[in-house]
Each structure stands twice: as structure tokens, then as C-alpha cells.
PDB file of N, CA and C in Angstrom:
ATOM      1  N   MET A   1       3.943 -28.239 -34.633  1.00  0.00           N
ATOM      2  CA  MET A   1       4.471 -27.950 -33.322  1.00  0.00           C
ATOM      3  C   MET A   1       4.649 -26.450 -33.098  1.00  0.00           C
ATOM      4  N   LYS A   2       5.031 -25.710 -34.143  1.00  0.00           N
ATOM      5  CA  LYS A   2       5.215 -24.275 -34.024  1.00  0.00           C
ATOM      6  C   LYS A   2       3.942 -23.570 -33.566  1.00  0.00           C
ATOM      7  N   TYR A   3       2.813 -23.946 -34.129  1.00  0.00           N
ATOM      8  CA  TYR A   3       1.551 -23.298 -33.807  1.00  0.00           C
ATOM      9  C   TYR A   3       1.109 -23.586 -32.379  1.00  0.00           C
ATOM     10  N   LEU A   4       1.326 -24.787 -31.905  1.00  0.00           N
ATOM     11  CA  LEU A   4       0.973 -25.133 -30.534  1.00  0.00           C
ATOM     12  C   LEU A   4       1.753 -24.273 -29.554  1.00  0.00           C
ATOM     13  N   PHE A   5       3.017 -24.074 -29.817  1.00  0.00           N
ATOM     14  CA  PHE A   5       3.861 -23.252 -28.958  1.00  0.00           C
ATOM     15  C   PHE A   5       3.337 -21.813 -28.906  1.00  0.00           C
ATOM     16  N   LEU A   6       3.019 -21.244 -30.048  1.00  0.00           N
ATOM     17  CA  LEU A   6       2.532 -19.868 -30.088  1.00  0.00           C
ATOM     18  C   LEU A   6       1.182 -19.722 -29.407  1.00  0.00           C
ATOM     19  N   LEU A   7       0.278 -20.656 -29.634  1.00  0.00           N
ATOM     20  CA  LEU A   7      -1.038 -20.583 -29.020  1.00  0.00           C
ATOM     21  C   LEU A   7      -0.962 -20.737 -27.509  1.00  0.00           C
ATOM     22  N   PHE A   8      -0.028 -21.564 -27.045  1.00  0.00           N
ATOM     23  CA  PHE A   8       0.080 -21.812 -25.618  1.00  0.00           C
ATOM     24  C   PHE A   8       0.700 -20.626 -24.877  1.00  0.00           C
ATOM     25  N   PHE A   9       1.728 -20.020 -25.450  1.00  0.00           N
ATOM     26  CA  PHE A   9       2.454 -18.987 -24.727  1.00  0.00           C
ATOM     27  C   PHE A   9       1.998 -17.560 -25.021  1.00  0.00           C
ATOM     28  N   THR A  10       1.305 -17.310 -26.099  1.00  0.00           N
ATOM     29  CA  THR A  10       0.878 -15.957 -26.423  1.00  0.00           C
ATOM     30  C   THR A  10      -0.060 -15.351 -25.378  1.00  0.00           C
ATOM     31  N   PRO A  11      -1.100 -16.046 -24.895  1.00  0.00           N
ATOM     32  CA  PRO A  11      -1.979 -15.414 -23.893  1.00  0.00           C
ATOM     33  C   PRO A  11      -1.250 -15.022 -22.614  1.00  0.00           C
ATOM     34  N   LEU A  12      -0.231 -15.771 -22.234  1.00  0.00           N
ATOM     35  CA  LEU A  12       0.500 -15.431 -21.018  1.00  0.00           C
ATOM     36  C   LEU A  12       1.231 -14.113 -21.178  1.00  0.00           C
ATOM     37  N   SER A  13       1.810 -13.878 -22.360  1.00  0.00           N
ATOM     38  CA  SER A  13       2.543 -12.637 -22.560  1.00  0.00           C
ATOM     39  C   SER A  13       1.595 -11.452 -22.652  1.00  0.00           C
ATOM     40  N   ILE A  14       0.374 -11.663 -23.119  1.00  0.00           N
ATOM     41  CA  ILE A  14      -0.606 -10.586 -23.191  1.00  0.00           C
ATOM     42  C   ILE A  14      -1.174 -10.282 -21.814  1.00  0.00           C
ATOM     43  N   ALA A  15      -1.372 -11.298 -20.981  1.00  0.00           N
ATOM     44  CA  ALA A  15      -2.023 -11.131 -19.681  1.00  0.00           C
ATOM     45  C   ALA A  15      -1.180 -10.316 -18.707  1.00  0.00           C
ATOM     46  N   ALA A  16       0.127 -10.438 -18.759  1.00  0.00           N
ATOM     47  CA  ALA A  16       0.988  -9.728 -17.808  1.00  0.00           C
ATOM     48  C   ALA A  16       1.675  -8.566 -18.511  1.00  0.00           C
ATOM     49  N   GLN A  17       1.517  -7.381 -17.961  1.00  0.00           N
ATOM     50  CA  GLN A  17       2.143  -6.194 -18.530  1.00  0.00           C
ATOM     51  C   GLN A  17       2.862  -5.458 -17.411  1.00  0.00           C
ATOM     52  N   HIS A  18       3.887  -4.721 -17.778  1.00  0.00           N
ATOM     53  CA  HIS A  18       4.631  -3.958 -16.776  1.00  0.00           C
ATOM     54  C   HIS A  18       4.416  -2.473 -17.029  1.00  0.00           C
ATOM     55  N   ASP A  19       4.083  -1.745 -15.990  1.00  0.00           N
ATOM     56  CA  ASP A  19       3.889  -0.306 -16.077  1.00  0.00           C
ATOM     57  C   ASP A  19       5.061   0.361 -15.378  1.00  0.00           C
ATOM     58  N   SER A  20       6.017   0.832 -16.159  1.00  0.00           N
ATOM     59  CA  SER A  20       7.218   1.408 -15.557  1.00  0.00           C
ATOM     60  C   SER A  20       6.942   2.740 -14.868  1.00  0.00           C
ATOM     61  N   ALA A  21       5.883   3.434 -15.262  1.00  0.00           N
ATOM     62  CA  ALA A  21       5.562   4.712 -14.625  1.00  0.00           C
ATOM     63  C   ALA A  21       5.197   4.513 -13.155  1.00  0.00           C
ATOM     64  N   TYR A  22       4.510   3.398 -12.840  1.00  0.00           N
ATOM     65  CA  TYR A  22       4.103   3.137 -11.464  1.00  0.00           C
ATOM     66  C   TYR A  22       4.954   2.066 -10.799  1.00  0.00           C
ATOM     67  N   GLY A  23       5.828   1.438 -11.550  1.00  0.00           N
ATOM     68  CA  GLY A  23       6.728   0.453 -10.979  1.00  0.00           C
ATOM     69  C   GLY A  23       6.043  -0.811 -10.516  1.00  0.00           C
ATOM     70  N   CYS A  24       5.020  -1.257 -11.243  1.00  0.00           N
ATOM     71  CA  CYS A  24       4.348  -2.483 -10.840  1.00  0.00           C
ATOM     72  C   CYS A  24       3.977  -3.300 -12.068  1.00  0.00           C
ATOM     73  N   ALA A  25       3.815  -4.580 -11.862  1.00  0.00           N
ATOM     74  CA  ALA A  25       3.415  -5.475 -12.945  1.00  0.00           C
ATOM     75  C   ALA A  25       1.924  -5.735 -12.832  1.00  0.00           C
ATOM     76  N   TYR A  26       1.221  -5.609 -13.929  1.00  0.00           N
ATOM     77  CA  TYR A  26      -0.219  -5.858 -13.949  1.00  0.00           C
ATOM     78  C   TYR A  26      -0.485  -7.276 -14.417  1.00  0.00           C
ATOM     79  N   VAL A  27      -1.326  -7.974 -13.687  1.00  0.00           N
ATOM     80  CA  VAL A  27      -1.802  -9.290 -14.099  1.00  0.00           C
ATOM     81  C   VAL A  27      -3.310  -9.166 -14.121  1.00  0.00           C
ATOM     82  N   GLY A  28      -3.897  -9.181 -15.305  1.00  0.00           N
ATOM     83  CA  GLY A  28      -5.321  -8.884 -15.418  1.00  0.00           C
ATOM     84  C   GLY A  28      -5.511  -7.401 -15.169  1.00  0.00           C
ATOM     85  N   THR A  29      -6.291  -7.029 -14.138  1.00  0.00           N
ATOM     86  CA  THR A  29      -6.518  -5.617 -13.822  1.00  0.00           C
ATOM     87  C   THR A  29      -5.966  -5.233 -12.460  1.00  0.00           C
ATOM     88  N   VAL A  30      -5.215  -6.110 -11.815  1.00  0.00           N
ATOM     89  CA  VAL A  30      -4.691  -5.843 -10.472  1.00  0.00           C
ATOM     90  C   VAL A  30      -3.219  -5.502 -10.573  1.00  0.00           C
ATOM     91  N   CYS A  31      -2.819  -4.431  -9.921  1.00  0.00           N
ATOM     92  CA  CYS A  31      -1.404  -4.072  -9.867  1.00  0.00           C
ATOM     93  C   CYS A  31      -0.737  -4.926  -8.802  1.00  0.00           C
ATOM     94  N   GLU A  32       0.269  -5.684  -9.190  1.00  0.00           N
ATOM     95  CA  GLU A  32       0.924  -6.592  -8.256  1.00  0.00           C
ATOM     96  C   GLU A  32       1.528  -5.843  -7.075  1.00  0.00           C
ATOM     97  N   GLY A  33       1.913  -4.587  -7.260  1.00  0.00           N
ATOM     98  CA  GLY A  33       2.467  -3.788  -6.173  1.00  0.00           C
ATOM     99  C   GLY A  33       1.442  -3.457  -5.105  1.00  0.00           C
ATOM    100  N   ASP A  34       0.144  -3.504  -5.444  1.00  0.00           N
ATOM    101  CA  ASP A  34      -0.916  -3.196  -4.492  1.00  0.00           C
ATOM    102  C   ASP A  34      -1.361  -4.397  -3.665  1.00  0.00           C
ATOM    103  N   VAL A  35      -0.924  -5.597  -4.016  1.00  0.00           N
ATOM    104  CA  VAL A  35      -1.384  -6.823  -3.374  1.00  0.00           C
ATOM    105  C   VAL A  35      -0.430  -7.184  -2.246  1.00  0.00           C
ATOM    106  N   PRO A  36      -0.948  -7.410  -1.017  1.00  0.00           N
ATOM    107  CA  PRO A  36      -0.068  -7.804   0.087  1.00  0.00           C
ATOM    108  C   PRO A  36       0.668  -9.099  -0.237  1.00  0.00           C
ATOM    109  N   LYS A  37       1.928  -9.167   0.156  1.00  0.00           N
ATOM    110  CA  LYS A  37       2.736 -10.358  -0.086  1.00  0.00           C
ATOM    111  C   LYS A  37       2.432 -11.404   0.983  1.00  0.00           C
ATOM    112  N   LEU A  38       1.580 -12.341   0.635  1.00  0.00           N
ATOM    113  CA  LEU A  38       1.179 -13.406   1.543  1.00  0.00           C
ATOM    114  C   LEU A  38       1.411 -14.723   0.818  1.00  0.00           C
ATOM    115  N   LYS A  39       2.178 -15.618   1.413  1.00  0.00           N
ATOM    116  CA  LYS A  39       2.491 -16.868   0.734  1.00  0.00           C
ATOM    117  C   LYS A  39       1.497 -17.976   1.042  1.00  0.00           C
ATOM    118  N   HIS A  40       0.901 -17.957   2.234  1.00  0.00           N
ATOM    119  CA  HIS A  40       0.023 -19.063   2.617  1.00  0.00           C
ATOM    120  C   HIS A  40      -0.908 -18.618   3.742  1.00  0.00           C
ATOM    121  N   PHE A  41      -2.105 -19.170   3.740  1.00  0.00           N
ATOM    122  CA  PHE A  41      -3.032 -19.032   4.859  1.00  0.00           C
ATOM    123  C   PHE A  41      -3.749 -20.364   4.994  1.00  0.00           C
ATOM    124  N   ASP A  42      -4.375 -20.589   6.132  1.00  0.00           N
ATOM    125  CA  ASP A  42      -5.080 -21.846   6.378  1.00  0.00           C
ATOM    126  C   ASP A  42      -6.582 -21.632   6.227  1.00  0.00           C
ATOM    127  N   LEU A  43      -7.246 -22.610   5.621  1.00  0.00           N
ATOM    128  CA  LEU A  43      -8.676 -22.549   5.367  1.00  0.00           C
ATOM    129  C   LEU A  43      -9.252 -23.923   5.668  1.00  0.00           C
ATOM    130  N   TYR A  44     -10.157 -24.003   6.640  1.00  0.00           N
ATOM    131  CA  TYR A  44     -10.741 -25.290   7.026  1.00  0.00           C
ATOM    132  C   TYR A  44     -12.119 -25.100   7.620  1.00  0.00           C
ATOM    133  N   PRO A  45     -12.981 -26.106   7.724  1.00  0.00           N
ATOM    134  CA  PRO A  45     -12.824 -27.467   7.187  1.00  0.00           C
ATOM    135  C   PRO A  45     -12.999 -27.447   5.672  1.00  0.00           C
ATOM    136  N   ASN A  46     -12.369 -28.379   5.041  1.00  0.00           N
ATOM    137  CA  ASN A  46     -12.433 -28.478   3.591  1.00  0.00           C
ATOM    138  C   ASN A  46     -12.568 -29.941   3.204  1.00  0.00           C
ATOM    139  N   PRO A  47     -13.703 -30.354   2.693  1.00  0.00           N
ATOM    140  CA  PRO A  47     -14.869 -29.594   2.236  1.00  0.00           C
ATOM    141  C   PRO A  47     -15.711 -29.069   3.397  1.00  0.00           C
ATOM    142  N   THR A  48     -16.583 -28.113   3.077  1.00  0.00           N
ATOM    143  CA  THR A  48     -17.444 -27.497   4.083  1.00  0.00           C
ATOM    144  C   THR A  48     -18.889 -27.463   3.609  1.00  0.00           C
ATOM    145  N   GLU A  49     -19.799 -27.422   4.577  1.00  0.00           N
ATOM    146  CA  GLU A  49     -21.213 -27.265   4.244  1.00  0.00           C
ATOM    147  C   GLU A  49     -21.685 -25.838   4.482  1.00  0.00           C
ATOM    148  N   GLY A  50     -20.889 -25.040   5.217  1.00  0.00           N
ATOM    149  CA  GLY A  50     -21.372 -23.695   5.469  1.00  0.00           C
ATOM    150  C   GLY A  50     -20.394 -22.734   6.087  1.00  0.00           C
ATOM    151  N   LEU A  51     -19.556 -23.164   7.018  1.00  0.00           N
ATOM    152  CA  LEU A  51     -18.694 -22.246   7.737  1.00  0.00           C
ATOM    153  C   LEU A  51     -17.228 -22.559   7.438  1.00  0.00           C
ATOM    154  N   LEU A  52     -16.486 -21.553   6.986  1.00  0.00           N
ATOM    155  CA  LEU A  52     -15.046 -21.681   6.743  1.00  0.00           C
ATOM    156  C   LEU A  52     -14.301 -20.918   7.827  1.00  0.00           C
ATOM    157  N   VAL A  53     -13.244 -21.500   8.339  1.00  0.00           N
ATOM    158  CA  VAL A  53     -12.381 -20.845   9.315  1.00  0.00           C
ATOM    159  C   VAL A  53     -11.086 -20.480   8.595  1.00  0.00           C
ATOM    160  N   ILE A  54     -10.651 -19.220   8.770  1.00  0.00           N
ATOM    161  CA  ILE A  54      -9.427 -18.733   8.141  1.00  0.00           C
ATOM    162  C   ILE A  54      -8.412 -18.442   9.238  1.00  0.00           C
ATOM    163  N   ALA A  55      -7.185 -18.866   9.025  1.00  0.00           N
ATOM    164  CA  ALA A  55      -6.127 -18.620  10.008  1.00  0.00           C
ATOM    165  C   ALA A  55      -4.835 -18.226   9.290  1.00  0.00           C
ATOM    166  N   ASN A  56      -3.953 -17.559  10.018  1.00  0.00           N
ATOM    167  CA  ASN A  56      -2.628 -17.165   9.528  1.00  0.00           C
ATOM    168  C   ASN A  56      -2.687 -16.184   8.372  1.00  0.00           C
ATOM    169  N   TYR A  57      -3.449 -15.114   8.536  1.00  0.00           N
ATOM    170  CA  TYR A  57      -3.516 -14.054   7.533  1.00  0.00           C
ATOM    171  C   TYR A  57      -3.392 -12.713   8.245  1.00  0.00           C
ATOM    172  N   PRO A  58      -2.912 -11.679   7.557  1.00  0.00           N
ATOM    173  CA  PRO A  58      -2.771 -10.375   8.196  1.00  0.00           C
ATOM    174  C   PRO A  58      -4.122  -9.713   8.459  1.00  0.00           C
ATOM    175  N   LEU A  59      -4.188  -8.907   9.512  1.00  0.00           N
ATOM    176  CA  LEU A  59      -5.412  -8.168   9.827  1.00  0.00           C
ATOM    177  C   LEU A  59      -5.685  -7.111   8.757  1.00  0.00           C
ATOM    178  N   ASN A  60      -6.942  -6.667   8.691  1.00  0.00           N
ATOM    179  CA  ASN A  60      -7.363  -5.637   7.739  1.00  0.00           C
ATOM    180  C   ASN A  60      -7.037  -6.018   6.297  1.00  0.00           C
ATOM    181  N   THR A  61      -7.343  -7.245   5.949  1.00  0.00           N
ATOM    182  CA  THR A  61      -7.053  -7.762   4.620  1.00  0.00           C
ATOM    183  C   THR A  61      -8.344  -8.083   3.903  1.00  0.00           C
ATOM    184  N   GLU A  62      -8.341  -7.897   2.588  1.00  0.00           N
ATOM    185  CA  GLU A  62      -9.496  -8.236   1.772  1.00  0.00           C
ATOM    186  C   GLU A  62      -9.371  -9.670   1.282  1.00  0.00           C
ATOM    187  N   GLY A  63     -10.495 -10.365   1.216  1.00  0.00           N
ATOM    188  CA  GLY A  63     -10.543 -11.706   0.660  1.00  0.00           C
ATOM    189  C   GLY A  63     -11.541 -11.766  -0.477  1.00  0.00           C
ATOM    190  N   VAL A  64     -11.303 -12.655  -1.436  1.00  0.00           N
ATOM    191  CA  VAL A  64     -12.196 -12.800  -2.581  1.00  0.00           C
ATOM    192  C   VAL A  64     -12.453 -14.287  -2.803  1.00  0.00           C
ATOM    193  N   ILE A  65     -13.724 -14.628  -3.007  1.00  0.00           N
ATOM    194  CA  ILE A  65     -14.100 -16.006  -3.336  1.00  0.00           C
ATOM    195  C   ILE A  65     -14.461 -16.040  -4.810  1.00  0.00           C
ATOM    196  N   PHE A  66     -13.734 -16.885  -5.559  1.00  0.00           N
ATOM    197  CA  PHE A  66     -13.948 -17.071  -6.983  1.00  0.00           C
ATOM    198  C   PHE A  66     -14.516 -18.449  -7.240  1.00  0.00           C
ATOM    199  N   GLY A  67     -15.353 -18.554  -8.255  1.00  0.00           N
ATOM    200  CA  GLY A  67     -15.717 -19.869  -8.763  1.00  0.00           C
ATOM    201  C   GLY A  67     -14.574 -20.379  -9.612  1.00  0.00           C
ATOM    202  N   ILE A  68     -14.543 -21.652  -9.850  1.00  0.00           N
ATOM    203  CA  ILE A  68     -13.462 -22.247 -10.635  1.00  0.00           C
ATOM    204  C   ILE A  68     -13.448 -21.692 -12.064  1.00  0.00           C
ATOM    205  N   GLU A  69     -14.596 -21.160 -12.515  1.00  0.00           N
ATOM    206  CA  GLU A  69     -14.698 -20.588 -13.861  1.00  0.00           C
ATOM    207  C   GLU A  69     -14.220 -19.138 -13.902  1.00  0.00           C
ATOM    208  N   GLY A  70     -13.882 -18.562 -12.739  1.00  0.00           N
ATOM    209  CA  GLY A  70     -13.361 -17.202 -12.681  1.00  0.00           C
ATOM    210  C   GLY A  70     -14.359 -16.162 -12.203  1.00  0.00           C
ATOM    211  N   ARG A  71     -15.611 -16.535 -12.001  1.00  0.00           N
ATOM    212  CA  ARG A  71     -16.628 -15.594 -11.523  1.00  0.00           C
ATOM    213  C   ARG A  71     -16.351 -15.212 -10.071  1.00  0.00           C
ATOM    214  N   VAL A  72     -16.456 -13.934  -9.753  1.00  0.00           N
ATOM    215  CA  VAL A  72     -16.302 -13.476  -8.369  1.00  0.00           C
ATOM    216  C   VAL A  72     -17.637 -13.676  -7.665  1.00  0.00           C
ATOM    217  N   TRP A  73     -17.647 -14.538  -6.656  1.00  0.00           N
ATOM    218  CA  TRP A  73     -18.873 -14.812  -5.902  1.00  0.00           C
ATOM    219  C   TRP A  73     -19.015 -13.873  -4.721  1.00  0.00           C
ATOM    220  N   ARG A  74     -17.891 -13.494  -4.113  1.00  0.00           N
ATOM    221  CA  ARG A  74     -17.979 -12.629  -2.933  1.00  0.00           C
ATOM    222  C   ARG A  74     -16.652 -11.908  -2.703  1.00  0.00           C
ATOM    223  N   ARG A  75     -16.755 -10.634  -2.357  1.00  0.00           N
ATOM    224  CA  ARG A  75     -15.603  -9.845  -1.899  1.00  0.00           C
ATOM    225  C   ARG A  75     -15.835  -9.513  -0.439  1.00  0.00           C
ATOM    226  N   ILE A  76     -14.830  -9.751   0.367  1.00  0.00           N
ATOM    227  CA  ILE A  76     -14.928  -9.485   1.799  1.00  0.00           C
ATOM    228  C   ILE A  76     -13.860  -8.444   2.128  1.00  0.00           C
ATOM    229  N   GLU A  77     -14.294  -7.230   2.448  1.00  0.00           N
ATOM    230  CA  GLU A  77     -13.340  -6.135   2.662  1.00  0.00           C
ATOM    231  C   GLU A  77     -12.554  -6.286   3.956  1.00  0.00           C
ATOM    232  N   GLN A  78     -13.212  -6.693   5.036  1.00  0.00           N
ATOM    233  CA  GLN A  78     -12.550  -6.908   6.322  1.00  0.00           C
ATOM    234  C   GLN A  78     -12.774  -8.362   6.723  1.00  0.00           C
ATOM    235  N   LEU A  79     -11.759  -9.187   6.555  1.00  0.00           N
ATOM    236  CA  LEU A  79     -11.898 -10.606   6.864  1.00  0.00           C
ATOM    237  C   LEU A  79     -12.106 -10.849   8.351  1.00  0.00           C
ATOM    238  N   ASN A  80     -13.000 -11.755   8.650  1.00  0.00           N
ATOM    239  CA  ASN A  80     -13.178 -12.262  10.006  1.00  0.00           C
ATOM    240  C   ASN A  80     -12.557 -13.646  10.054  1.00  0.00           C
ATOM    241  N   ARG A  81     -12.458 -14.203  11.228  1.00  0.00           N
ATOM    242  CA  ARG A  81     -11.904 -15.547  11.368  1.00  0.00           C
ATOM    243  C   ARG A  81     -12.805 -16.591  10.726  1.00  0.00           C
ATOM    244  N   GLU A  82     -14.112 -16.342  10.729  1.00  0.00           N
ATOM    245  CA  GLU A  82     -15.066 -17.294  10.145  1.00  0.00           C
ATOM    246  C   GLU A  82     -15.884 -16.624   9.053  1.00  0.00           C
ATOM    247  N   ILE A  83     -16.150 -17.371   7.990  1.00  0.00           N
ATOM    248  CA  ILE A  83     -16.964 -16.866   6.882  1.00  0.00           C
ATOM    249  C   ILE A  83     -18.046 -17.889   6.581  1.00  0.00           C
ATOM    250  N   ASP A  84     -19.281 -17.408   6.496  1.00  0.00           N
ATOM    251  CA  ASP A  84     -20.413 -18.272   6.172  1.00  0.00           C
ATOM    252  C   ASP A  84     -20.550 -18.361   4.652  1.00  0.00           C
ATOM    253  N   VAL A  85     -20.403 -19.565   4.112  1.00  0.00           N
ATOM    254  CA  VAL A  85     -20.541 -19.774   2.672  1.00  0.00           C
ATOM    255  C   VAL A  85     -21.730 -20.686   2.366  1.00  0.00           C
ATOM    256  N   SER A  86     -22.673 -20.792   3.319  1.00  0.00           N
ATOM    257  CA  SER A  86     -23.810 -21.699   3.137  1.00  0.00           C
ATOM    258  C   SER A  86     -24.706 -21.289   1.976  1.00  0.00           C
ATOM    259  N   ASP A  87     -24.669 -20.005   1.587  1.00  0.00           N
ATOM    260  CA  ASP A  87     -25.505 -19.547   0.477  1.00  0.00           C
ATOM    261  C   ASP A  87     -24.900 -19.835  -0.897  1.00  0.00           C
ATOM    262  N   LEU A  88     -23.640 -20.269  -0.950  1.00  0.00           N
ATOM    263  CA  LEU A  88     -23.016 -20.601  -2.237  1.00  0.00           C
ATOM    264  C   LEU A  88     -23.509 -21.953  -2.735  1.00  0.00           C
ATOM    265  N   PRO A  89     -23.671 -22.105  -4.047  1.00  0.00           N
ATOM    266  CA  PRO A  89     -24.032 -23.414  -4.596  1.00  0.00           C
ATOM    267  C   PRO A  89     -22.899 -24.422  -4.383  1.00  0.00           C
ATOM    268  N   GLN A  90     -23.227 -25.691  -4.414  1.00  0.00           N
ATOM    269  CA  GLN A  90     -22.205 -26.724  -4.287  1.00  0.00           C
ATOM    270  C   GLN A  90     -21.204 -26.580  -5.424  1.00  0.00           C
ATOM    271  N   GLY A  91     -19.930 -26.799  -5.109  1.00  0.00           N
ATOM    272  CA  GLY A  91     -18.909 -26.713  -6.154  1.00  0.00           C
ATOM    273  C   GLY A  91     -17.532 -26.475  -5.587  1.00  0.00           C
ATOM    274  N   VAL A  92     -16.595 -26.233  -6.486  1.00  0.00           N
ATOM    275  CA  VAL A  92     -15.205 -25.968  -6.135  1.00  0.00           C
ATOM    276  C   VAL A  92     -14.971 -24.465  -6.264  1.00  0.00           C
ATOM    277  N   TYR A  93     -14.332 -23.870  -5.258  1.00  0.00           N
ATOM    278  CA  TYR A  93     -14.095 -22.435  -5.215  1.00  0.00           C
ATOM    279  C   TYR A  93     -12.632 -22.153  -4.894  1.00  0.00           C
ATOM    280  N   LEU A  94     -12.194 -20.950  -5.222  1.00  0.00           N
ATOM    281  CA  LEU A  94     -10.872 -20.462  -4.868  1.00  0.00           C
ATOM    282  C   LEU A  94     -11.049 -19.274  -3.937  1.00  0.00           C
ATOM    283  N   PHE A  95     -10.300 -19.272  -2.845  1.00  0.00           N
ATOM    284  CA  PHE A  95     -10.343 -18.171  -1.874  1.00  0.00           C
ATOM    285  C   PHE A  95      -8.993 -17.481  -1.936  1.00  0.00           C
ATOM    286  N   ARG A  96      -8.994 -16.182  -2.264  1.00  0.00           N
ATOM    287  CA  ARG A  96      -7.748 -15.444  -2.402  1.00  0.00           C
ATOM    288  C   ARG A  96      -7.639 -14.378  -1.327  1.00  0.00           C
ATOM    289  N   ILE A  97      -6.478 -14.358  -0.668  1.00  0.00           N
ATOM    290  CA  ILE A  97      -6.107 -13.283   0.252  1.00  0.00           C
ATOM    291  C   ILE A  97      -4.758 -12.787  -0.241  1.00  0.00           C
ATOM    292  N   GLY A  98      -4.696 -11.519  -0.642  1.00  0.00           N
ATOM    293  CA  GLY A  98      -3.451 -10.998  -1.212  1.00  0.00           C
ATOM    294  C   GLY A  98      -3.117 -11.759  -2.478  1.00  0.00           C
ATOM    295  N   ASN A  99      -1.933 -12.340  -2.518  1.00  0.00           N
ATOM    296  CA  ASN A  99      -1.562 -13.134  -3.684  1.00  0.00           C
ATOM    297  C   ASN A  99      -1.546 -14.631  -3.384  1.00  0.00           C
ATOM    298  N   ALA A 100      -2.055 -15.029  -2.225  1.00  0.00           N
ATOM    299  CA  ALA A 100      -2.140 -16.449  -1.861  1.00  0.00           C
ATOM    300  C   ALA A 100      -3.550 -16.960  -2.159  1.00  0.00           C
ATOM    301  N   VAL A 101      -3.637 -18.176  -2.652  1.00  0.00           N
ATOM    302  CA  VAL A 101      -4.924 -18.764  -3.044  1.00  0.00           C
ATOM    303  C   VAL A 101      -5.038 -20.164  -2.452  1.00  0.00           C
ATOM    304  N   GLN A 102      -6.228 -20.471  -1.907  1.00  0.00           N
ATOM    305  CA  GLN A 102      -6.550 -21.806  -1.412  1.00  0.00           C
ATOM    306  C   GLN A 102      -7.820 -22.283  -2.102  1.00  0.00           C
ATOM    307  N   LYS A 103      -7.852 -23.549  -2.429  1.00  0.00           N
ATOM    308  CA  LYS A 103      -9.047 -24.145  -3.029  1.00  0.00           C
ATOM    309  C   LYS A 103      -9.894 -24.750  -1.920  1.00  0.00           C
ATOM    310  N   PHE A 104     -11.249 -24.611  -2.029  1.00  0.00           N
ATOM    311  CA  PHE A 104     -12.130 -25.305  -1.098  1.00  0.00           C
ATOM    312  C   PHE A 104     -13.335 -25.827  -1.846  1.00  0.00           C
ATOM    313  N   VAL A 105     -13.984 -26.823  -1.236  1.00  0.00           N
ATOM    314  CA  VAL A 105     -15.158 -27.455  -1.834  1.00  0.00           C
ATOM    315  C   VAL A 105     -16.355 -27.159  -0.938  1.00  0.00           C
ATOM    316  N   LYS A 106     -17.415 -26.672  -1.554  1.00  0.00           N
ATOM    317  CA  LYS A 106     -18.677 -26.417  -0.843  1.00  0.00           C
ATOM    318  C   LYS A 106     -19.599 -27.578  -1.140  1.00  0.00           C
ATOM    319  N   LEU A 107     -20.027 -28.278  -0.083  1.00  0.00           N
ATOM    320  CA  LEU A 107     -20.944 -29.420  -0.238  1.00  0.00           C
ATOM    321  C   LEU A 107     -22.390 -28.973  -0.227  1.00  0.00           C
TER     322      LEU A 107
END
């Protein structure tokens, strides 16, 4: 039981670090202080065959589409209300705006 506990919790402590010089917590390579505080946005239709509609997000915000395996499929510097994802392969994806994440399925 001791080993399971260490294996489970050790990566979490390594992944998050605090940089007191800049006053922000790093998760991976992103400074949490640089990420807009957004709790939720709407993403529909889900599942989709090509066009995603995004609602309830701040203007001039960056969005990122990740594969479920963590690969970045697309970075969108200036989000529009609609995003064409017809070129993505079928699968499950994560769409991140700020620190909020929504899952969607591409058919």
C-alpha cells in the first residue's frame, strides 16, 4: 500500500511548482497567473461533424484544442463565435479557454 500511495501522489507534486519571484504557480509550462480566470463557457453542438459554436467567453481570448492524449491540435489566438473542426479526425477532444475546459466529440 505504501508504494501505491507514493506512485500516485508523486507526479502531482512534481507537476505543480510555485515561483515566488513572479508570484505564480506553474502547472506544466503555463504560469497560472497568466491564465484568465474563466470558470465555464458553452460549446455546442456536441457531438459535432464540423462546426462548433462557443458562447459565454471573454473577448480577445486564446483557445486551445487538445486531443485526449494531450496533443495540441490547434491554437486559436483570437476566438470567433464559430470554429470549423471538420479537418480534425474523429475522436474526443478538449477545448480550453483560460483555465476552463470543455470536452467535445468530433464525428
